[in-house]
């Protein structure tokens, strides 16, 4: 399974990429 911290990190990076675009 995926670690909860990994998911939070992924979501945070995705959010930053969304804002950057």
PDB file of N, CA and C in Angstrom:
ATOM      1  N   UNK A   1       0.840  -1.217   0.000  1.00  0.00           N
ATOM      2  CA  UNK A   1       0.000   0.000   0.000  1.00  0.00           C
ATOM      3  C   UNK A   1       0.868   1.258   0.000  1.00  0.00           C
ATOM      4  N   UNK A   2       0.212   2.383  -0.157  1.00  0.00           N
ATOM      5  CA  UNK A   2       0.944   3.657  -0.173  1.00  0.00           C
ATOM      6  C   UNK A   2       0.848   4.335   1.188  1.00  0.00           C
ATOM      7  N   UNK A   3       1.972   4.906   1.636  1.00  0.00           N
ATOM      8  CA  UNK A   3       1.986   5.577   2.937  1.00  0.00           C
ATOM      9  C   UNK A   3       1.129   6.835   2.901  1.00  0.00           C
ATOM     10  N   UNK A   4       0.502   7.159   4.005  1.00  0.00           N
ATOM     11  CA  UNK A   4      -0.339   8.361   4.056  1.00  0.00           C
ATOM     12  C   UNK A   4       0.509   9.604   3.799  1.00  0.00           C
ATOM     13  N   UNK A   5       1.724   9.602   4.317  1.00  0.00           N
ATOM     14  CA  UNK A   5       2.606  10.758   4.103  1.00  0.00           C
ATOM     15  C   UNK A   5       2.926  10.902   2.620  1.00  0.00           C
ATOM     16  N   UNK A   6       3.121   9.779   1.947  1.00  0.00           N
ATOM     17  CA  UNK A   6       3.433   9.815   0.511  1.00  0.00           C
ATOM     18  C   UNK A   6       2.274  10.433  -0.247  1.00  0.00           C
ATOM     19  N   UNK A   7       1.051  10.053   0.128  1.00  0.00           N
ATOM     20  CA  UNK A   7      -0.132  10.596  -0.542  1.00  0.00           C
ATOM     21  C   UNK A   7      -0.217  12.093  -0.306  1.00  0.00           C
ATOM     22  N   UNK A   8       0.011  12.519   0.922  1.00  0.00           N
ATOM     23  CA  UNK A   8      -0.060  13.956   1.232  1.00  0.00           C
ATOM     24  C   UNK A   8       0.990  14.710   0.433  1.00  0.00           C
ATOM     25  N   UNK A   9       2.187  14.156   0.333  1.00  0.00           N
ATOM     26  CA  UNK A   9       3.261  14.803  -0.420  1.00  0.00           C
ATOM     27  C   UNK A   9       2.876  14.886  -1.894  1.00  0.00           C
ATOM     28  N   UNK A  10       2.322  13.798  -2.416  1.00  0.00           N
ATOM     29  CA  UNK A  10       1.927  13.780  -3.822  1.00  0.00           C
ATOM     30  C   UNK A  10       0.862  14.834  -4.079  1.00  0.00           C
ATOM     31  N   UNK A  11      -0.123  14.913  -3.202  1.00  0.00           N
ATOM     32  CA  UNK A  11      -1.200  15.897  -3.372  1.00  0.00           C
ATOM     33  C   UNK A  11      -0.645  17.314  -3.292  1.00  0.00           C
ATOM     34  N   UNK A  12       0.287  17.536  -2.384  1.00  0.00           N
ATOM     35  CA  UNK A  12       0.869  18.875  -2.233  1.00  0.00           C
ATOM     36  C   UNK A  12       1.614  19.270  -3.510  1.00  0.00           C
ATOM     37  N   UNK A  13       2.413  18.336  -4.033  1.00  0.00           N
ATOM     38  CA  UNK A  13       3.165  18.636  -5.259  1.00  0.00           C
ATOM     39  C   UNK A  13       2.200  18.862  -6.414  1.00  0.00           C
ATOM     40  N   UNK A  14       1.157  18.064  -6.492  1.00  0.00           N
ATOM     41  CA  UNK A  14       0.177  18.200  -7.568  1.00  0.00           C
ATOM     42  C   UNK A  14      -0.503  19.559  -7.477  1.00  0.00           C
ATOM     43  N   UNK A  15      -0.811  19.994  -6.263  1.00  0.00           N
ATOM     44  CA  UNK A  15      -1.470  21.290  -6.076  1.00  0.00           C
ATOM     45  C   UNK A  15      -0.546  22.410  -6.543  1.00  0.00           C
ATOM     46  N   UNK A  16       0.742  22.278  -6.224  1.00  0.00           N
ATOM     47  CA  UNK A  16       1.701  23.318  -6.629  1.00  0.00           C
ATOM     48  C   UNK A  16       1.828  23.341  -8.149  1.00  0.00           C
ATOM     49  N   UNK A  17       1.836  22.163  -8.768  1.00  0.00           N
ATOM     50  CA  UNK A  17       1.941  22.101 -10.230  1.00  0.00           C
ATOM     51  C   UNK A  17       0.698  22.738 -10.843  1.00  0.00           C
ATOM     52  N   UNK A  18      -0.460  22.495 -10.242  1.00  0.00           N
ATOM     53  CA  UNK A  18      -1.706  23.064 -10.756  1.00  0.00           C
ATOM     54  C   UNK A  18      -1.650  24.578 -10.731  1.00  0.00           C
ATOM     55  N   UNK A  19      -1.112  25.134  -9.647  1.00  0.00           N
ATOM     56  CA  UNK A  19      -1.022  26.595  -9.537  1.00  0.00           C
ATOM     57  C   UNK A  19       0.004  27.132 -10.529  1.00  0.00           C
ATOM     58  N   UNK A  20       1.091  26.376 -10.720  1.00  0.00           N
ATOM     59  CA  UNK A  20       2.158  26.820 -11.620  1.00  0.00           C
ATOM     60  C   UNK A  20       1.670  26.883 -13.059  1.00  0.00           C
ATOM     61  N   UNK A  21       0.830  25.912 -13.427  1.00  0.00           N
ATOM     62  CA  UNK A  21       0.368  25.892 -14.818  1.00  0.00           C
ATOM     63  C   UNK A  21      -0.461  27.124 -15.105  1.00  0.00           C
TER      64      UNK A  21
END
